[in-house]
Amino acid sequence: MAINIDQLTKLYYSIGEVAELFGVSRSLIRFWESEFDILKPKKNRKGDRKFTVKDIENLEIIYNLVKVKGYTLEGAKRNIRLQKSEQKQKNLLLKKLRNIKSGLENLKDQLS
């Protein structure tokens, strides 16, 4: 299921709205919240969950791994951890490449 994140205009969404977006029960959303560290909706004083767009993006990742691709919960958790690790490595490499580019541009300016 593909949720169009660009169409989400509200700052916060209730658990009912989120469950309806994904076509799952509220209890499944609460269960996933207890199982996956990346899912941390805000709660008001009453204890009602308020989901941000980032929370919905994370839910989409979980939904695709578990419901679409058929991962077990442990497999989905492992996949998410691996993606985080790979993303950190990519960000570090990108930072190094930007530094190299900057250095080369400085060298080019000095030679001109």
PDB file of N, CA and C in Angstrom:
ATOM      1  N   MET A   1       0.840  -1.178   0.000  1.00  0.00           N
ATOM      2  CA  MET A   1       0.000   0.000   0.000  1.00  0.00           C
ATOM      3  C   MET A   1       0.881   1.235   0.000  1.00  0.00           C
ATOM      4  N   ALA A   2       0.654   2.122  -0.921  1.00  0.00           N
ATOM      5  CA  ALA A   2       1.440   3.345  -1.012  1.00  0.00           C
ATOM      6  C   ALA A   2       0.615   4.522  -0.502  1.00  0.00           C
ATOM      7  N   ILE A   3       1.115   5.150   0.525  1.00  0.00           N
ATOM      8  CA  ILE A   3       0.471   6.329   1.075  1.00  0.00           C
ATOM      9  C   ILE A   3       1.152   7.533   0.439  1.00  0.00           C
ATOM     10  N   ASN A   4       0.378   8.456  -0.092  1.00  0.00           N
ATOM     11  CA  ASN A   4       0.952   9.657  -0.683  1.00  0.00           C
ATOM     12  C   ASN A   4       1.218  10.652   0.442  1.00  0.00           C
ATOM     13  N   ILE A   5       2.462  10.706   0.888  1.00  0.00           N
ATOM     14  CA  ILE A   5       2.849  11.549   2.006  1.00  0.00           C
ATOM     15  C   ILE A   5       2.596  13.022   1.696  1.00  0.00           C
ATOM     16  N   ASP A   6       2.718  13.413   0.443  1.00  0.00           N
ATOM     17  CA  ASP A   6       2.520  14.808   0.051  1.00  0.00           C
ATOM     18  C   ASP A   6       1.084  15.267   0.278  1.00  0.00           C
ATOM     19  N   GLN A   7       0.147  14.345   0.306  1.00  0.00           N
ATOM     20  CA  GLN A   7      -1.257  14.707   0.503  1.00  0.00           C
ATOM     21  C   GLN A   7      -1.627  14.855   1.976  1.00  0.00           C
ATOM     22  N   LEU A   8      -0.719  14.488   2.872  1.00  0.00           N
ATOM     23  CA  LEU A   8      -0.985  14.618   4.297  1.00  0.00           C
ATOM     24  C   LEU A   8      -0.728  16.067   4.699  1.00  0.00           C
ATOM     25  N   THR A   9      -1.793  16.748   5.117  1.00  0.00           N
ATOM     26  CA  THR A   9      -1.690  18.178   5.371  1.00  0.00           C
ATOM     27  C   THR A   9      -1.742  18.542   6.852  1.00  0.00           C
ATOM     28  N   LYS A  10      -2.240  17.660   7.673  1.00  0.00           N
ATOM     29  CA  LYS A  10      -2.371  17.966   9.094  1.00  0.00           C
ATOM     30  C   LYS A  10      -1.054  17.756   9.823  1.00  0.00           C
ATOM     31  N   LEU A  11      -0.925  18.427  10.960  1.00  0.00           N
ATOM     32  CA  LEU A  11       0.269  18.272  11.783  1.00  0.00           C
ATOM     33  C   LEU A  11       0.238  16.945  12.532  1.00  0.00           C
ATOM     34  N   TYR A  12      -0.937  16.578  13.046  1.00  0.00           N
ATOM     35  CA  TYR A  12      -1.099  15.335  13.789  1.00  0.00           C
ATOM     36  C   TYR A  12      -2.318  14.570  13.290  1.00  0.00           C
ATOM     37  N   TYR A  13      -2.210  13.234  13.340  1.00  0.00           N
ATOM     38  CA  TYR A  13      -3.301  12.353  12.946  1.00  0.00           C
ATOM     39  C   TYR A  13      -3.628  11.421  14.099  1.00  0.00           C
ATOM     40  N   SER A  14      -4.902  11.145  14.270  1.00  0.00           N
ATOM     41  CA  SER A  14      -5.322  10.228  15.332  1.00  0.00           C
ATOM     42  C   SER A  14      -5.030   8.789  14.912  1.00  0.00           C
ATOM     43  N   ILE A  15      -5.070   7.900  15.872  1.00  0.00           N
ATOM     44  CA  ILE A  15      -4.812   6.490  15.572  1.00  0.00           C
ATOM     45  C   ILE A  15      -5.876   5.942  14.623  1.00  0.00           C
ATOM     46  N   GLY A  16      -7.109   6.423  14.755  1.00  0.00           N
ATOM     47  CA  GLY A  16      -8.178   5.986  13.853  1.00  0.00           C
ATOM     48  C   GLY A  16      -7.917   6.399  12.416  1.00  0.00           C
ATOM     49  N   GLU A  17      -7.449   7.630  12.232  1.00  0.00           N
ATOM     50  CA  GLU A  17      -7.141   8.108  10.886  1.00  0.00           C
ATOM     51  C   GLU A  17      -5.982   7.316  10.273  1.00  0.00           C
ATOM     52  N   VAL A  18      -4.977   7.031  11.097  1.00  0.00           N
ATOM     53  CA  VAL A  18      -3.816   6.288  10.610  1.00  0.00           C
ATOM     54  C   VAL A  18      -4.209   4.856  10.263  1.00  0.00           C
ATOM     55  N   ALA A  19      -5.002   4.237  11.123  1.00  0.00           N
ATOM     56  CA  ALA A  19      -5.455   2.873  10.868  1.00  0.00           C
ATOM     57  C   ALA A  19      -6.258   2.819   9.567  1.00  0.00           C
ATOM     58  N   GLU A  20      -7.073   3.830   9.333  1.00  0.00           N
ATOM     59  CA  GLU A  20      -7.867   3.882   8.108  1.00  0.00           C
ATOM     60  C   GLU A  20      -6.976   4.066   6.880  1.00  0.00           C
ATOM     61  N   LEU A  21      -5.922   4.893   7.000  1.00  0.00           N
ATOM     62  CA  LEU A  21      -4.987   5.092   5.888  1.00  0.00           C
ATOM     63  C   LEU A  21      -4.386   3.770   5.417  1.00  0.00           C
ATOM     64  N   PHE A  22      -4.046   2.909   6.387  1.00  0.00           N
ATOM     65  CA  PHE A  22      -3.384   1.646   6.075  1.00  0.00           C
ATOM     66  C   PHE A  22      -4.354   0.471   5.951  1.00  0.00           C
ATOM     67  N   GLY A  23      -5.593   0.685   6.319  1.00  0.00           N
ATOM     68  CA  GLY A  23      -6.565  -0.400   6.242  1.00  0.00           C
ATOM     69  C   GLY A  23      -6.308  -1.500   7.258  1.00  0.00           C
ATOM     70  N   VAL A  24      -5.835  -1.111   8.434  1.00  0.00           N
ATOM     71  CA  VAL A  24      -5.563  -2.070   9.516  1.00  0.00           C
ATOM     72  C   VAL A  24      -6.304  -1.618  10.766  1.00  0.00           C
ATOM     73  N   SER A  25      -6.295  -2.464  11.775  1.00  0.00           N
ATOM     74  CA  SER A  25      -6.997  -2.123  13.012  1.00  0.00           C
ATOM     75  C   SER A  25      -6.141  -1.217  13.893  1.00  0.00           C
ATOM     76  N   ARG A  26      -6.791  -0.516  14.781  1.00  0.00           N
ATOM     77  CA  ARG A  26      -6.086   0.340  15.739  1.00  0.00           C
ATOM     78  C   ARG A  26      -5.192  -0.490  16.646  1.00  0.00           C
ATOM     79  N   SER A  27      -5.666  -1.666  17.001  1.00  0.00           N
ATOM     80  CA  SER A  27      -4.872  -2.516  17.897  1.00  0.00           C
ATOM     81  C   SER A  27      -3.566  -2.948  17.219  1.00  0.00           C
ATOM     82  N   LEU A  28      -3.582  -3.142  15.912  1.00  0.00           N
ATOM     83  CA  LEU A  28      -2.355  -3.499  15.206  1.00  0.00           C
ATOM     84  C   LEU A  28      -1.363  -2.333  15.237  1.00  0.00           C
ATOM     85  N   ILE A  29      -1.861  -1.122  15.069  1.00  0.00           N
ATOM     86  CA  ILE A  29      -0.994   0.064  15.149  1.00  0.00           C
ATOM     87  C   ILE A  29      -0.375   0.153  16.549  1.00  0.00           C
ATOM     88  N   ARG A  30      -1.178  -0.066  17.592  1.00  0.00           N
ATOM     89  CA  ARG A  30      -0.654  -0.033  18.968  1.00  0.00           C
ATOM     90  C   ARG A  30       0.363  -1.144  19.183  1.00  0.00           C
ATOM     91  N   PHE A  31       0.107  -2.323  18.618  1.00  0.00           N
ATOM     92  CA  PHE A  31       1.038  -3.442  18.747  1.00  0.00           C
ATOM     93  C   PHE A  31       2.369  -3.109  18.077  1.00  0.00           C
ATOM     94  N   TRP A  32       2.303  -2.582  16.864  1.00  0.00           N
ATOM     95  CA  TRP A  32       3.526  -2.214  16.158  1.00  0.00           C
ATOM     96  C   TRP A  32       4.292  -1.142  16.931  1.00  0.00           C
ATOM     97  N   GLU A  33       3.568  -0.237  17.562  1.00  0.00           N
ATOM     98  CA  GLU A  33       4.222   0.799  18.370  1.00  0.00           C
ATOM     99  C   GLU A  33       5.037   0.167  19.498  1.00  0.00           C
ATOM    100  N   SER A  34       4.500  -0.880  20.088  1.00  0.00           N
ATOM    101  CA  SER A  34       5.217  -1.545  21.187  1.00  0.00           C
ATOM    102  C   SER A  34       6.385  -2.387  20.682  1.00  0.00           C
ATOM    103  N   GLU A  35       6.342  -2.816  19.436  1.00  0.00           N
ATOM    104  CA  GLU A  35       7.372  -3.694  18.885  1.00  0.00           C
ATOM    105  C   GLU A  35       8.516  -2.963  18.176  1.00  0.00           C
ATOM    106  N   PHE A  36       8.243  -1.816  17.580  1.00  0.00           N
ATOM    107  CA  PHE A  36       9.235  -1.131  16.749  1.00  0.00           C
ATOM    108  C   PHE A  36       9.659   0.186  17.387  1.00  0.00           C
ATOM    109  N   ASP A  37      10.956   0.329  17.587  1.00  0.00           N
ATOM    110  CA  ASP A  37      11.513   1.525  18.225  1.00  0.00           C
ATOM    111  C   ASP A  37      11.353   2.782  17.379  1.00  0.00           C
ATOM    112  N   ILE A  38      11.251   2.624  16.074  1.00  0.00           N
ATOM    113  CA  ILE A  38      11.171   3.812  15.208  1.00  0.00           C
ATOM    114  C   ILE A  38       9.805   4.484  15.280  1.00  0.00           C
ATOM    115  N   LEU A  39       8.853   3.836  15.895  1.00  0.00           N
ATOM    116  CA  LEU A  39       7.497   4.361  15.965  1.00  0.00           C
ATOM    117  C   LEU A  39       7.244   4.951  17.351  1.00  0.00           C
ATOM    118  N   LYS A  40       7.231   6.270  17.438  1.00  0.00           N
ATOM    119  CA  LYS A  40       7.054   6.959  18.713  1.00  0.00           C
ATOM    120  C   LYS A  40       6.049   8.106  18.565  1.00  0.00           C
ATOM    121  N   PRO A  41       4.749   7.802  18.492  1.00  0.00           N
ATOM    122  CA  PRO A  41       3.785   8.895  18.390  1.00  0.00           C
ATOM    123  C   PRO A  41       3.701   9.673  19.700  1.00  0.00           C
ATOM    124  N   LYS A  42       3.369  10.932  19.584  1.00  0.00           N
ATOM    125  CA  LYS A  42       3.181  11.754  20.775  1.00  0.00           C
ATOM    126  C   LYS A  42       1.856  11.361  21.421  1.00  0.00           C
ATOM    127  N   LYS A  43       1.780  11.560  22.725  1.00  0.00           N
ATOM    128  CA  LYS A  43       0.531  11.275  23.438  1.00  0.00           C
ATOM    129  C   LYS A  43       0.134  12.522  24.211  1.00  0.00           C
ATOM    130  N   ASN A  44      -1.172  12.806  24.193  1.00  0.00           N
ATOM    131  CA  ASN A  44      -1.640  13.947  24.965  1.00  0.00           C
ATOM    132  C   ASN A  44      -1.884  13.505  26.415  1.00  0.00           C
ATOM    133  N   ARG A  45      -2.357  14.404  27.243  1.00  0.00           N
ATOM    134  CA  ARG A  45      -2.567  14.087  28.666  1.00  0.00           C
ATOM    135  C   ARG A  45      -3.533  12.927  28.868  1.00  0.00           C
ATOM    136  N   LYS A  46      -4.468  12.819  27.955  1.00  0.00           N
ATOM    137  CA  LYS A  46      -5.457  11.741  28.034  1.00  0.00           C
ATOM    138  C   LYS A  46      -4.880  10.399  27.604  1.00  0.00           C
ATOM    139  N   GLY A  47      -3.734  10.432  26.928  1.00  0.00           N
ATOM    140  CA  GLY A  47      -3.116   9.203  26.439  1.00  0.00           C
ATOM    141  C   GLY A  47      -3.425   8.893  24.987  1.00  0.00           C
ATOM    142  N   ASP A  48      -4.145   9.802  24.322  1.00  0.00           N
ATOM    143  CA  ASP A  48      -4.449   9.610  22.899  1.00  0.00           C
ATOM    144  C   ASP A  48      -3.179   9.783  22.081  1.00  0.00           C
ATOM    145  N   ARG A  49      -2.965   8.890  21.146  1.00  0.00           N
ATOM    146  CA  ARG A  49      -1.793   8.956  20.281  1.00  0.00           C
ATOM    147  C   ARG A  49      -2.026   9.967  19.172  1.00  0.00           C
ATOM    148  N   LYS A  50      -0.991  10.756  18.908  1.00  0.00           N
ATOM    149  CA  LYS A  50      -1.023  11.738  17.828  1.00  0.00           C
ATOM    150  C   LYS A  50       0.173  11.460  16.926  1.00  0.00           C
ATOM    151  N   PHE A  51      -0.111  11.030  15.705  1.00  0.00           N
ATOM    152  CA  PHE A  51       0.915  10.618  14.761  1.00  0.00           C
ATOM    153  C   PHE A  51       1.304  11.775  13.847  1.00  0.00           C
ATOM    154  N   THR A  52       2.607  11.987  13.685  1.00  0.00           N
ATOM    155  CA  THR A  52       3.115  12.992  12.754  1.00  0.00           C
ATOM    156  C   THR A  52       3.304  12.333  11.386  1.00  0.00           C
ATOM    157  N   VAL A  53       3.634  13.135  10.399  1.00  0.00           N
ATOM    158  CA  VAL A  53       3.901  12.601   9.061  1.00  0.00           C
ATOM    159  C   VAL A  53       5.087  11.642   9.120  1.00  0.00           C
ATOM    160  N   LYS A  54       6.104  11.969   9.933  1.00  0.00           N
ATOM    161  CA  LYS A  54       7.271  11.079  10.082  1.00  0.00           C
ATOM    162  C   LYS A  54       6.840   9.726  10.656  1.00  0.00           C
ATOM    163  N   ASP A  55       5.947   9.744  11.644  1.00  0.00           N
ATOM    164  CA  ASP A  55       5.425   8.492  12.197  1.00  0.00           C
ATOM    165  C   ASP A  55       4.718   7.679  11.121  1.00  0.00           C
ATOM    166  N   ILE A  56       3.969   8.354  10.277  1.00  0.00           N
ATOM    167  CA  ILE A  56       3.239   7.676   9.201  1.00  0.00           C
ATOM    168  C   ILE A  56       4.220   7.094   8.181  1.00  0.00           C
ATOM    169  N   GLU A  57       5.296   7.824   7.896  1.00  0.00           N
ATOM    170  CA  GLU A  57       6.332   7.287   7.000  1.00  0.00           C
ATOM    171  C   GLU A  57       6.945   6.017   7.593  1.00  0.00           C
ATOM    172  N   ASN A  58       7.229   6.041   8.901  1.00  0.00           N
ATOM    173  CA  ASN A  58       7.784   4.861   9.569  1.00  0.00           C
ATOM    174  C   ASN A  58       6.785   3.705   9.566  1.00  0.00           C
ATOM    175  N   LEU A  59       5.514   4.014   9.763  1.00  0.00           N
ATOM    176  CA  LEU A  59       4.483   2.982   9.697  1.00  0.00           C
ATOM    177  C   LEU A  59       4.399   2.370   8.307  1.00  0.00           C
ATOM    178  N   GLU A  60       4.607   3.194   7.298  1.00  0.00           N
ATOM    179  CA  GLU A  60       4.577   2.684   5.926  1.00  0.00           C
ATOM    180  C   GLU A  60       5.717   1.688   5.706  1.00  0.00           C
ATOM    181  N   ILE A  61       6.882   1.975   6.273  1.00  0.00           N
ATOM    182  CA  ILE A  61       8.020   1.052   6.181  1.00  0.00           C
ATOM    183  C   ILE A  61       7.653  -0.269   6.844  1.00  0.00           C
ATOM    184  N   ILE A  62       7.121  -0.181   8.053  1.00  0.00           N
ATOM    185  CA  ILE A  62       6.736  -1.386   8.799  1.00  0.00           C
ATOM    186  C   ILE A  62       5.666  -2.155   8.045  1.00  0.00           C
ATOM    187  N   TYR A  63       4.656  -1.452   7.567  1.00  0.00           N
ATOM    188  CA  TYR A  63       3.554  -2.090   6.837  1.00  0.00           C
ATOM    189  C   TYR A  63       4.078  -2.840   5.613  1.00  0.00           C
ATOM    190  N   ASN A  64       4.949  -2.189   4.835  1.00  0.00           N
ATOM    191  CA  ASN A  64       5.472  -2.820   3.626  1.00  0.00           C
ATOM    192  C   ASN A  64       6.306  -4.055   3.950  1.00  0.00           C
ATOM    193  N   LEU A  65       7.105  -3.978   5.009  1.00  0.00           N
ATOM    194  CA  LEU A  65       7.930  -5.134   5.366  1.00  0.00           C
ATOM    195  C   LEU A  65       7.071  -6.301   5.858  1.00  0.00           C
ATOM    196  N   VAL A  66       6.122  -6.003   6.735  1.00  0.00           N
ATOM    197  CA  VAL A  66       5.350  -7.072   7.382  1.00  0.00           C
ATOM    198  C   VAL A  66       4.194  -7.558   6.515  1.00  0.00           C
ATOM    199  N   LYS A  67       3.397  -6.634   6.019  1.00  0.00           N
ATOM    200  CA  LYS A  67       2.181  -7.014   5.301  1.00  0.00           C
ATOM    201  C   LYS A  67       2.416  -7.311   3.812  1.00  0.00           C
ATOM    202  N   VAL A  68       3.258  -6.514   3.170  1.00  0.00           N
ATOM    203  CA  VAL A  68       3.451  -6.678   1.726  1.00  0.00           C
ATOM    204  C   VAL A  68       4.519  -7.725   1.431  1.00  0.00           C
ATOM    205  N   LYS A  69       5.679  -7.587   2.074  1.00  0.00           N
ATOM    206  CA  LYS A  69       6.792  -8.499   1.791  1.00  0.00           C
ATOM    207  C   LYS A  69       6.767  -9.761   2.640  1.00  0.00           C
ATOM    208  N   GLY A  70       5.942  -9.793   3.675  1.00  0.00           N
ATOM    209  CA  GLY A  70       5.784 -11.001   4.469  1.00  0.00           C
ATOM    210  C   GLY A  70       6.891 -11.264   5.484  1.00  0.00           C
ATOM    211  N   TYR A  71       7.608 -10.239   5.888  1.00  0.00           N
ATOM    212  CA  TYR A  71       8.653 -10.405   6.897  1.00  0.00           C
ATOM    213  C   TYR A  71       8.032 -10.764   8.250  1.00  0.00           C
ATOM    214  N   THR A  72       8.771 -11.519   9.047  1.00  0.00           N
ATOM    215  CA  THR A  72       8.382 -11.700  10.444  1.00  0.00           C
ATOM    216  C   THR A  72       8.704 -10.398  11.165  1.00  0.00           C
ATOM    217  N   LEU A  73       8.209 -10.248  12.383  1.00  0.00           N
ATOM    218  CA  LEU A  73       8.516  -9.031  13.129  1.00  0.00           C
ATOM    219  C   LEU A  73      10.015  -8.887  13.361  1.00  0.00           C
ATOM    220  N   GLU A  74      10.661  -9.995  13.718  1.00  0.00           N
ATOM    221  CA  GLU A  74      12.114  -9.953  13.946  1.00  0.00           C
ATOM    222  C   GLU A  74      12.855  -9.634  12.654  1.00  0.00           C
ATOM    223  N   GLY A  75      12.412 -10.200  11.545  1.00  0.00           N
ATOM    224  CA  GLY A  75      13.024  -9.918  10.260  1.00  0.00           C
ATOM    225  C   GLY A  75      12.856  -8.458   9.871  1.00  0.00           C
ATOM    226  N   ALA A  76      11.681  -7.899  10.134  1.00  0.00           N
ATOM    227  CA  ALA A  76      11.424  -6.491   9.825  1.00  0.00           C
ATOM    228  C   ALA A  76      12.299  -5.592  10.700  1.00  0.00           C
ATOM    229  N   LYS A  77      12.430  -5.931  11.981  1.00  0.00           N
ATOM    230  CA  LYS A  77      13.285  -5.151  12.883  1.00  0.00           C
ATOM    231  C   LYS A  77      14.733  -5.185  12.396  1.00  0.00           C
ATOM    232  N   ARG A  78      15.189  -6.350  12.008  1.00  0.00           N
ATOM    233  CA  ARG A  78      16.555  -6.505  11.516  1.00  0.00           C
ATOM    234  C   ARG A  78      16.757  -5.676  10.246  1.00  0.00           C
ATOM    235  N   ASN A  79      15.791  -5.725   9.349  1.00  0.00           N
ATOM    236  CA  ASN A  79      15.869  -4.960   8.107  1.00  0.00           C
ATOM    237  C   ASN A  79      15.928  -3.460   8.389  1.00  0.00           C
ATOM    238  N   ILE A  80      15.134  -2.990   9.330  1.00  0.00           N
ATOM    239  CA  ILE A  80      15.118  -1.563   9.674  1.00  0.00           C
ATOM    240  C   ILE A  80      16.453  -1.148  10.280  1.00  0.00           C
ATOM    241  N   ARG A  81      17.010  -1.979  11.163  1.00  0.00           N
ATOM    242  CA  ARG A  81      18.319  -1.679  11.755  1.00  0.00           C
ATOM    243  C   ARG A  81      19.394  -1.627  10.669  1.00  0.00           C
ATOM    244  N   LEU A  82      19.330  -2.549   9.727  1.00  0.00           N
ATOM    245  CA  LEU A  82      20.295  -2.595   8.635  1.00  0.00           C
ATOM    246  C   LEU A  82      20.179  -1.347   7.766  1.00  0.00           C
ATOM    247  N   GLN A  83      18.953  -0.927   7.484  1.00  0.00           N
ATOM    248  CA  GLN A  83      18.740   0.276   6.684  1.00  0.00           C
ATOM    249  C   GLN A  83      19.309   1.500   7.387  1.00  0.00           C
ATOM    250  N   LYS A  84      19.116   1.585   8.711  1.00  0.00           N
ATOM    251  CA  LYS A  84      19.666   2.706   9.478  1.00  0.00           C
ATOM    252  C   LYS A  84      21.181   2.708   9.387  1.00  0.00           C
ATOM    253  N   SER A  85      21.781   1.535   9.550  1.00  0.00           N
ATOM    254  CA  SER A  85      23.233   1.413   9.492  1.00  0.00           C
ATOM    255  C   SER A  85      23.750   1.812   8.113  1.00  0.00           C
ATOM    256  N   GLU A  86      23.098   1.328   7.075  1.00  0.00           N
ATOM    257  CA  GLU A  86      23.504   1.668   5.716  1.00  0.00           C
ATOM    258  C   GLU A  86      23.335   3.165   5.456  1.00  0.00           C
ATOM    259  N   GLN A  87      22.270   3.753   5.989  1.00  0.00           N
ATOM    260  CA  GLN A  87      22.031   5.182   5.798  1.00  0.00           C
ATOM    261  C   GLN A  87      23.120   6.000   6.480  1.00  0.00           C
ATOM    262  N   LYS A  88      23.551   5.578   7.678  1.00  0.00           N
ATOM    263  CA  LYS A  88      24.628   6.279   8.374  1.00  0.00           C
ATOM    264  C   LYS A  88      25.908   6.211   7.557  1.00  0.00           C
ATOM    265  N   GLN A  89      26.207   5.039   6.990  1.00  0.00           N
ATOM    266  CA  GLN A  89      27.403   4.893   6.166  1.00  0.00           C
ATOM    267  C   GLN A  89      27.320   5.776   4.921  1.00  0.00           C
ATOM    268  N   LYS A  90      26.148   5.826   4.298  1.00  0.00           N
ATOM    269  CA  LYS A  90      25.967   6.661   3.115  1.00  0.00           C
ATOM    270  C   LYS A  90      26.155   8.139   3.463  1.00  0.00           C
ATOM    271  N   ASN A  91      25.597   8.557   4.605  1.00  0.00           N
ATOM    272  CA  ASN A  91      25.735   9.954   5.017  1.00  0.00           C
ATOM    273  C   ASN A  91      27.191  10.311   5.289  1.00  0.00           C
ATOM    274  N   LEU A  92      27.927   9.401   5.927  1.00  0.00           N
ATOM    275  CA  LEU A  92      29.345   9.624   6.203  1.00  0.00           C
ATOM    276  C   LEU A  92      30.129   9.725   4.899  1.00  0.00           C
ATOM    277  N   LEU A  93      29.860   8.823   3.967  1.00  0.00           N
ATOM    278  CA  LEU A  93      30.534   8.852   2.670  1.00  0.00           C
ATOM    279  C   LEU A  93      30.206  10.128   1.910  1.00  0.00           C
ATOM    280  N   LEU A  94      28.950  10.541   1.951  1.00  0.00           N
ATOM    281  CA  LEU A  94      28.537  11.765   1.279  1.00  0.00           C
ATOM    282  C   LEU A  94      29.255  12.975   1.866  1.00  0.00           C
ATOM    283  N   LYS A  95      29.398  13.012   3.180  1.00  0.00           N
ATOM    284  CA  LYS A  95      30.110  14.111   3.834  1.00  0.00           C
ATOM    285  C   LYS A  95      31.566  14.145   3.382  1.00  0.00           C
ATOM    286  N   LYS A  96      32.205  12.978   3.309  1.00  0.00           N
ATOM    287  CA  LYS A  96      33.591  12.909   2.859  1.00  0.00           C
ATOM    288  C   LYS A  96      33.717  13.379   1.411  1.00  0.00           C
ATOM    289  N   LEU A  97      32.775  12.961   0.558  1.00  0.00           N
ATOM    290  CA  LEU A  97      32.806  13.374  -0.844  1.00  0.00           C
ATOM    291  C   LEU A  97      32.620  14.888  -0.988  1.00  0.00           C
ATOM    292  N   ARG A  98      31.753  15.461  -0.162  1.00  0.00           N
ATOM    293  CA  ARG A  98      31.558  16.914  -0.205  1.00  0.00           C
ATOM    294  C   ARG A  98      32.839  17.640   0.204  1.00  0.00           C
ATOM    295  N   ASN A  99      33.532  17.108   1.222  1.00  0.00           N
ATOM    296  CA  ASN A  99      34.799  17.711   1.644  1.00  0.00           C
ATOM    297  C   ASN A  99      35.834  17.632   0.528  1.00  0.00           C
ATOM    298  N   ILE A 100      35.901  16.497  -0.145  1.00  0.00           N
ATOM    299  CA  ILE A 100      36.839  16.337  -1.266  1.00  0.00           C
ATOM    300  C   ILE A 100      36.487  17.316  -2.377  1.00  0.00           C
ATOM    301  N   LYS A 101      35.207  17.433  -2.690  1.00  0.00           N
ATOM    302  CA  LYS A 101      34.764  18.345  -3.741  1.00  0.00           C
ATOM    303  C   LYS A 101      35.143  19.782  -3.391  1.00  0.00           C
ATOM    304  N   SER A 102      34.909  20.157  -2.154  1.00  0.00           N
ATOM    305  CA  SER A 102      35.251  21.501  -1.699  1.00  0.00           C
ATOM    306  C   SER A 102      36.748  21.753  -1.828  1.00  0.00           C
ATOM    307  N   GLY A 103      37.533  20.762  -1.425  1.00  0.00           N
ATOM    308  CA  GLY A 103      38.984  20.880  -1.543  1.00  0.00           C
ATOM    309  C   GLY A 103      39.425  21.022  -2.985  1.00  0.00           C
ATOM    310  N   LEU A 104      38.839  20.255  -3.867  1.00  0.00           N
ATOM    311  CA  LEU A 104      39.172  20.337  -5.290  1.00  0.00           C
ATOM    312  C   LEU A 104      38.765  21.688  -5.885  1.00  0.00           C
ATOM    313  N   GLU A 105      37.604  22.199  -5.457  1.00  0.00           N
ATOM    314  CA  GLU A 105      37.160  23.506  -5.943  1.00  0.00           C
ATOM    315  C   GLU A 105      38.107  24.598  -5.465  1.00  0.00           C
ATOM    316  N   ASN A 106      38.576  24.491  -4.214  1.00  0.00           N
ATOM    317  CA  ASN A 106      39.536  25.461  -3.692  1.00  0.00           C
ATOM    318  C   ASN A 106      40.847  25.392  -4.477  1.00  0.00           C
ATOM    319  N   LEU A 107      41.296  24.195  -4.777  1.00  0.00           N
ATOM    320  CA  LEU A 107      42.514  24.006  -5.538  1.00  0.00           C
ATOM    321  C   LEU A 107      42.368  24.593  -6.952  1.00  0.00           C
ATOM    322  N   LYS A 108      41.211  24.373  -7.546  1.00  0.00           N
ATOM    323  CA  LYS A 108      40.925  24.922  -8.890  1.00  0.00           C
ATOM    324  C   LYS A 108      40.968  26.446  -8.861  1.00  0.00           C
ATOM    325  N   ASP A 109      40.367  27.045  -7.831  1.00  0.00           N
ATOM    326  CA  ASP A 109      40.361  28.500  -7.714  1.00  0.00           C
ATOM    327  C   ASP A 109      41.775  29.056  -7.530  1.00  0.00           C
ATOM    328  N   GLN A 110      42.604  28.328  -6.793  1.00  0.00           N
ATOM    329  CA  GLN A 110      43.993  28.766  -6.572  1.00  0.00           C
ATOM    330  C   GLN A 110      44.795  28.686  -7.867  1.00  0.00           C
ATOM    331  N   LEU A 111      44.503  27.701  -8.686  1.00  0.00           N
ATOM    332  CA  LEU A 111      45.239  27.531  -9.940  1.00  0.00           C
ATOM    333  C   LEU A 111      44.791  28.527 -11.016  1.00  0.00           C
ATOM    334  N   SER A 112      43.591  29.051 -10.870  1.00  0.00           N
ATOM    335  CA  SER A 112      43.063  29.988 -11.881  1.00  0.00           C
ATOM    336  C   SER A 112      43.611  31.374 -11.731  1.00  0.00           C
TER     337      SER A 112
END
